[in-house]
Amino acid sequence: MRPRPGSAQRAAWASNALGFTLLELLVVVAIMAMATAGVSLSMRDSSQTGLEREGQRLVALLESARMQSRARAVAVHWRASAQGFAFDGLADNSYSRPWLSTDTGVREGNALLLGPEPIIERQAVVLYSLSQPGRSLRIASDGLRPFAVLAEGTGAAP
């Protein structure tokens, strides 16, 4: 039997279906999901990031001053101000630093005693964002362990 005219063209057209396969659609959706996730992670809130960076920096400086206090057997006091903070009692007698961001403020714990005793009393400092007062970090030590950054919360302004 002889094929009808045009049937070869219809068969070729049917095998080359127009459209996307399910696998191709799933790959495109997966790529879009990963791109969306990457963009949303890169758009992190800068005030929270700055506050976390300030908290980590302060923890490192408090522990450094605490070790210097113990090594030199002198009392070291940390005090906060609107522009930054200072360590009194270190070698240069007043070691002050500005905040990394002008958006940083201290809600509670404006002064700390860092030594010279190896065991100090329980102390804490709460840093908050001036532009978003509900965002804060608590930096605390129980007196035995080093200072650490703890999430304070996202509650209402003080």
C-alpha atoms as a PDB file:
ATOM      1  CA  MET A   1       0.000   0.000   0.000  1.00  0.00           C
ATOM      2  CA  ARG A   2       1.238   3.369  -0.911  1.00  0.00           C
ATOM      3  CA  PRO A   3       1.222   6.234   1.637  1.00  0.00           C
ATOM      4  CA  ARG A   4      -1.211   9.015   0.966  1.00  0.00           C
ATOM      5  CA  PRO A   5       0.199  12.322  -0.218  1.00  0.00           C
ATOM      6  CA  GLY A   6       1.088  14.661   2.681  1.00  0.00           C
ATOM      7  CA  SER A   7       1.016  11.970   5.375  1.00  0.00           C
ATOM      8  CA  ALA A   8       4.816  12.127   5.747  1.00  0.00           C
ATOM      9  CA  GLN A   9       4.591  15.839   6.451  1.00  0.00           C
ATOM     10  CA  ARG A  10       1.862  15.282   9.054  1.00  0.00           C
ATOM     11  CA  ALA A  11       3.917  12.566  10.757  1.00  0.00           C
ATOM     12  CA  ALA A  12       7.000  14.811  10.881  1.00  0.00           C
ATOM     13  CA  TRP A  13       4.962  17.677  12.269  1.00  0.00           C
ATOM     14  CA  ALA A  14       3.381  15.469  14.973  1.00  0.00           C
ATOM     15  CA  SER A  15       6.788  14.206  16.126  1.00  0.00           C
ATOM     16  CA  ASN A  16       8.134  17.770  16.423  1.00  0.00           C
ATOM     17  CA  ALA A  17       5.409  18.946  18.785  1.00  0.00           C
ATOM     18  CA  LEU A  18       5.300  22.640  19.468  1.00  0.00           C
ATOM     19  CA  GLY A  19       5.619  23.635  23.165  1.00  0.00           C
ATOM     20  CA  PHE A  20       7.668  22.685  26.176  1.00  0.00           C
ATOM     21  CA  THR A  21       8.021  19.349  27.892  1.00  0.00           C
ATOM     22  CA  LEU A  22       7.254  19.002  31.571  1.00  0.00           C
ATOM     23  CA  LEU A  23      10.947  18.561  32.343  1.00  0.00           C
ATOM     24  CA  GLU A  24      11.842  21.822  30.593  1.00  0.00           C
ATOM     25  CA  LEU A  25       9.175  23.681  32.553  1.00  0.00           C
ATOM     26  CA  LEU A  26      10.414  22.227  35.855  1.00  0.00           C
ATOM     27  CA  VAL A  27      13.985  23.285  35.090  1.00  0.00           C
ATOM     28  CA  VAL A  28      12.855  26.852  34.323  1.00  0.00           C
ATOM     29  CA  VAL A  29      10.768  27.026  37.528  1.00  0.00           C
ATOM     30  CA  ALA A  30      13.734  25.724  39.589  1.00  0.00           C
ATOM     31  CA  ILE A  31      16.070  28.342  38.096  1.00  0.00           C
ATOM     32  CA  MET A  32      13.538  31.109  38.794  1.00  0.00           C
ATOM     33  CA  ALA A  33      13.139  29.923  42.401  1.00  0.00           C
ATOM     34  CA  MET A  34      16.909  29.960  42.991  1.00  0.00           C
ATOM     35  CA  ALA A  35      17.229  33.413  41.439  1.00  0.00           C
ATOM     36  CA  THR A  36      14.399  34.750  43.612  1.00  0.00           C
ATOM     37  CA  ALA A  37      15.973  33.274  46.739  1.00  0.00           C
ATOM     38  CA  GLY A  38      19.335  34.811  45.872  1.00  0.00           C
ATOM     39  CA  VAL A  39      17.840  38.253  45.337  1.00  0.00           C
ATOM     40  CA  SER A  40      15.821  38.130  48.559  1.00  0.00           C
ATOM     41  CA  LEU A  41      18.891  37.111  50.589  1.00  0.00           C
ATOM     42  CA  SER A  42      20.998  39.865  49.061  1.00  0.00           C
ATOM     43  CA  MET A  43      18.365  42.475  49.945  1.00  0.00           C
ATOM     44  CA  ARG A  44      18.806  41.990  53.700  1.00  0.00           C
ATOM     45  CA  ASP A  45      17.900  44.925  55.914  1.00  0.00           C
ATOM     46  CA  SER A  46      20.980  47.105  56.324  1.00  0.00           C
ATOM     47  CA  SER A  47      19.990  48.400  59.778  1.00  0.00           C
ATOM     48  CA  GLN A  48      19.836  44.871  61.200  1.00  0.00           C
ATOM     49  CA  THR A  49      23.082  43.897  59.495  1.00  0.00           C
ATOM     50  CA  GLY A  50      24.825  46.981  60.875  1.00  0.00           C
ATOM     51  CA  LEU A  51      23.493  46.288  64.345  1.00  0.00           C
ATOM     52  CA  GLU A  52      24.744  42.689  64.226  1.00  0.00           C
ATOM     53  CA  ARG A  53      28.151  43.837  62.998  1.00  0.00           C
ATOM     54  CA  GLU A  54      28.301  46.417  65.802  1.00  0.00           C
ATOM     55  CA  GLY A  55      27.362  43.745  68.346  1.00  0.00           C
ATOM     56  CA  GLN A  56      30.077  41.334  67.192  1.00  0.00           C
ATOM     57  CA  ARG A  57      32.647  44.135  67.221  1.00  0.00           C
ATOM     58  CA  LEU A  58      31.658  45.191  70.731  1.00  0.00           C
ATOM     59  CA  VAL A  59      31.860  41.606  72.024  1.00  0.00           C
ATOM     60  CA  ALA A  60      35.410  41.271  70.678  1.00  0.00           C
ATOM     61  CA  LEU A  61      36.489  44.602  72.181  1.00  0.00           C
ATOM     62  CA  LEU A  62      34.881  43.844  75.569  1.00  0.00           C
ATOM     63  CA  GLU A  63      36.646  40.489  75.773  1.00  0.00           C
ATOM     64  CA  SER A  64      39.945  42.061  74.734  1.00  0.00           C
ATOM     65  CA  ALA A  65      39.613  44.742  77.425  1.00  0.00           C
ATOM     66  CA  ARG A  66      38.592  42.106  79.975  1.00  0.00           C
ATOM     67  CA  MET A  67      41.753  40.095  79.226  1.00  0.00           C
ATOM     68  CA  GLN A  68      43.943  43.209  79.417  1.00  0.00           C
ATOM     69  CA  SER A  69      42.340  44.082  82.750  1.00  0.00           C
ATOM     70  CA  ARG A  70      43.175  40.659  84.150  1.00  0.00           C
ATOM     71  CA  ALA A  71      46.710  40.653  82.713  1.00  0.00           C
ATOM     72  CA  ARG A  72      47.577  44.097  84.115  1.00  0.00           C
ATOM     73  CA  ALA A  73      45.536  43.744  87.322  1.00  0.00           C
ATOM     74  CA  VAL A  74      43.770  47.071  86.791  1.00  0.00           C
ATOM     75  CA  ALA A  75      40.079  47.878  86.728  1.00  0.00           C
ATOM     76  CA  VAL A  76      38.753  48.620  83.266  1.00  0.00           C
ATOM     77  CA  HIS A  77      35.442  50.426  82.826  1.00  0.00           C
ATOM     78  CA  TRP A  78      33.436  50.533  79.603  1.00  0.00           C
ATOM     79  CA  ARG A  79      31.054  53.447  79.110  1.00  0.00           C
ATOM     80  CA  ALA A  80      28.765  54.309  76.225  1.00  0.00           C
ATOM     81  CA  SER A  81      27.962  57.675  74.711  1.00  0.00           C
ATOM     82  CA  ALA A  82      25.823  58.849  71.811  1.00  0.00           C
ATOM     83  CA  GLN A  83      28.817  58.931  69.476  1.00  0.00           C
ATOM     84  CA  GLY A  84      30.488  55.699  70.604  1.00  0.00           C
ATOM     85  CA  PHE A  85      32.093  54.188  73.662  1.00  0.00           C
ATOM     86  CA  ALA A  86      35.274  54.372  75.707  1.00  0.00           C
ATOM     87  CA  PHE A  87      37.387  52.078  77.851  1.00  0.00           C
ATOM     88  CA  ASP A  88      38.825  53.713  80.958  1.00  0.00           C
ATOM     89  CA  GLY A  89      41.764  52.077  82.704  1.00  0.00           C
ATOM     90  CA  LEU A  90      43.654  50.694  79.732  1.00  0.00           C
ATOM     91  CA  ALA A  91      47.240  51.640  78.901  1.00  0.00           C
ATOM     92  CA  ASP A  92      46.329  54.907  77.174  1.00  0.00           C
ATOM     93  CA  ASN A  93      43.840  55.599  80.030  1.00  0.00           C
ATOM     94  CA  SER A  94      40.927  56.439  77.720  1.00  0.00           C
ATOM     95  CA  TYR A  95      40.496  54.257  74.697  1.00  0.00           C
ATOM     96  CA  SER A  96      37.463  55.560  72.806  1.00  0.00           C
ATOM     97  CA  ARG A  97      35.852  54.299  69.643  1.00  0.00           C
ATOM     98  CA  PRO A  98      32.991  55.672  67.554  1.00  0.00           C
ATOM     99  CA  TRP A  99      30.045  53.478  66.580  1.00  0.00           C
ATOM    100  CA  LEU A 100      30.425  51.935  63.140  1.00  0.00           C
ATOM    101  CA  SER A 101      27.043  53.372  62.216  1.00  0.00           C
ATOM    102  CA  THR A 102      25.384  56.589  63.356  1.00  0.00           C
ATOM    103  CA  ASP A 103      22.215  54.479  63.589  1.00  0.00           C
ATOM    104  CA  THR A 104      23.431  52.685  66.762  1.00  0.00           C
ATOM    105  CA  GLY A 105      22.294  53.567  70.265  1.00  0.00           C
ATOM    106  CA  VAL A 106      22.471  52.035  73.763  1.00  0.00           C
ATOM    107  CA  ARG A 107      19.163  51.343  75.474  1.00  0.00           C
ATOM    108  CA  GLU A 108      20.481  49.956  78.778  1.00  0.00           C
ATOM    109  CA  GLY A 109      23.823  49.126  80.317  1.00  0.00           C
ATOM    110  CA  ASN A 110      25.703  52.382  79.740  1.00  0.00           C
ATOM    111  CA  ALA A 111      28.606  51.283  81.940  1.00  0.00           C
ATOM    112  CA  LEU A 112      30.367  47.968  82.604  1.00  0.00           C
ATOM    113  CA  LEU A 113      33.155  46.884  84.956  1.00  0.00           C
ATOM    114  CA  LEU A 114      35.391  44.411  83.130  1.00  0.00           C
ATOM    115  CA  GLY A 115      37.846  43.307  85.800  1.00  0.00           C
ATOM    116  CA  PRO A 116      40.506  42.731  87.084  1.00  0.00           C
ATOM    117  CA  GLU A 117      38.882  39.780  88.848  1.00  0.00           C
ATOM    118  CA  PRO A 118      38.464  36.661  86.705  1.00  0.00           C
ATOM    119  CA  ILE A 119      34.820  36.386  87.777  1.00  0.00           C
ATOM    120  CA  ILE A 120      32.787  39.529  87.265  1.00  0.00           C
ATOM    121  CA  GLU A 121      29.146  40.218  88.025  1.00  0.00           C
ATOM    122  CA  ARG A 122      26.419  39.494  85.479  1.00  0.00           C
ATOM    123  CA  GLN A 123      26.342  42.394  83.005  1.00  0.00           C
ATOM    124  CA  ALA A 124      24.523  43.298  79.814  1.00  0.00           C
ATOM    125  CA  VAL A 125      24.287  46.029  77.198  1.00  0.00           C
ATOM    126  CA  VAL A 126      21.351  46.479  74.813  1.00  0.00           C
ATOM    127  CA  LEU A 127      22.140  48.061  71.450  1.00  0.00           C
ATOM    128  CA  TYR A 128      19.321  49.242  69.238  1.00  0.00           C
ATOM    129  CA  SER A 129      18.787  50.863  65.881  1.00  0.00           C
ATOM    130  CA  LEU A 130      17.891  54.563  66.100  1.00  0.00           C
ATOM    131  CA  SER A 131      15.969  54.426  62.814  1.00  0.00           C
ATOM    132  CA  GLN A 132      14.047  51.290  63.853  1.00  0.00           C
ATOM    133  CA  PRO A 133      13.936  51.301  67.678  1.00  0.00           C
ATOM    134  CA  GLY A 134      12.201  47.915  67.811  1.00  0.00           C
ATOM    135  CA  ARG A 135      15.358  46.208  66.525  1.00  0.00           C
ATOM    136  CA  SER A 136      17.844  45.481  69.259  1.00  0.00           C
ATOM    137  CA  LEU A 137      20.632  43.144  70.350  1.00  0.00           C
ATOM    138  CA  ARG A 138      21.595  42.145  73.865  1.00  0.00           C
ATOM    139  CA  ILE A 139      25.277  41.665  74.631  1.00  0.00           C
ATOM    140  CA  ALA A 140      25.656  39.845  77.914  1.00  0.00           C
ATOM    141  CA  SER A 141      27.924  37.811  80.161  1.00  0.00           C
ATOM    142  CA  ASP A 142      27.010  35.818  83.224  1.00  0.00           C
ATOM    143  CA  GLY A 143      30.386  36.716  84.755  1.00  0.00           C
ATOM    144  CA  LEU A 144      32.071  33.395  84.031  1.00  0.00           C
ATOM    145  CA  ARG A 145      31.639  33.026  80.297  1.00  0.00           C
ATOM    146  CA  PRO A 146      32.671  35.534  77.642  1.00  0.00           C
ATOM    147  CA  PHE A 147      30.326  38.219  76.398  1.00  0.00           C
ATOM    148  CA  ALA A 148      28.001  37.027  73.628  1.00  0.00           C
ATOM    149  CA  VAL A 149      25.453  38.571  71.284  1.00  0.00           C
ATOM    150  CA  LEU A 150      21.879  37.544  71.975  1.00  0.00           C
ATOM    151  CA  ALA A 151      18.845  38.590  69.932  1.00  0.00           C
ATOM    152  CA  GLU A 152      16.797  40.985  72.065  1.00  0.00           C
ATOM    153  CA  GLY A 153      13.711  41.112  69.901  1.00  0.00           C
ATOM    154  CA  THR A 154      11.674  43.178  67.544  1.00  0.00           C
ATOM    155  CA  GLY A 155       9.213  44.656  70.009  1.00  0.00           C
ATOM    156  CA  ALA A 156       8.070  48.210  70.474  1.00  0.00           C
ATOM    157  CA  ALA A 157      10.320  51.194  71.034  1.00  0.00           C
ATOM    158  CA  PRO A 158      11.650  51.858  74.568  1.00  0.00           C
END
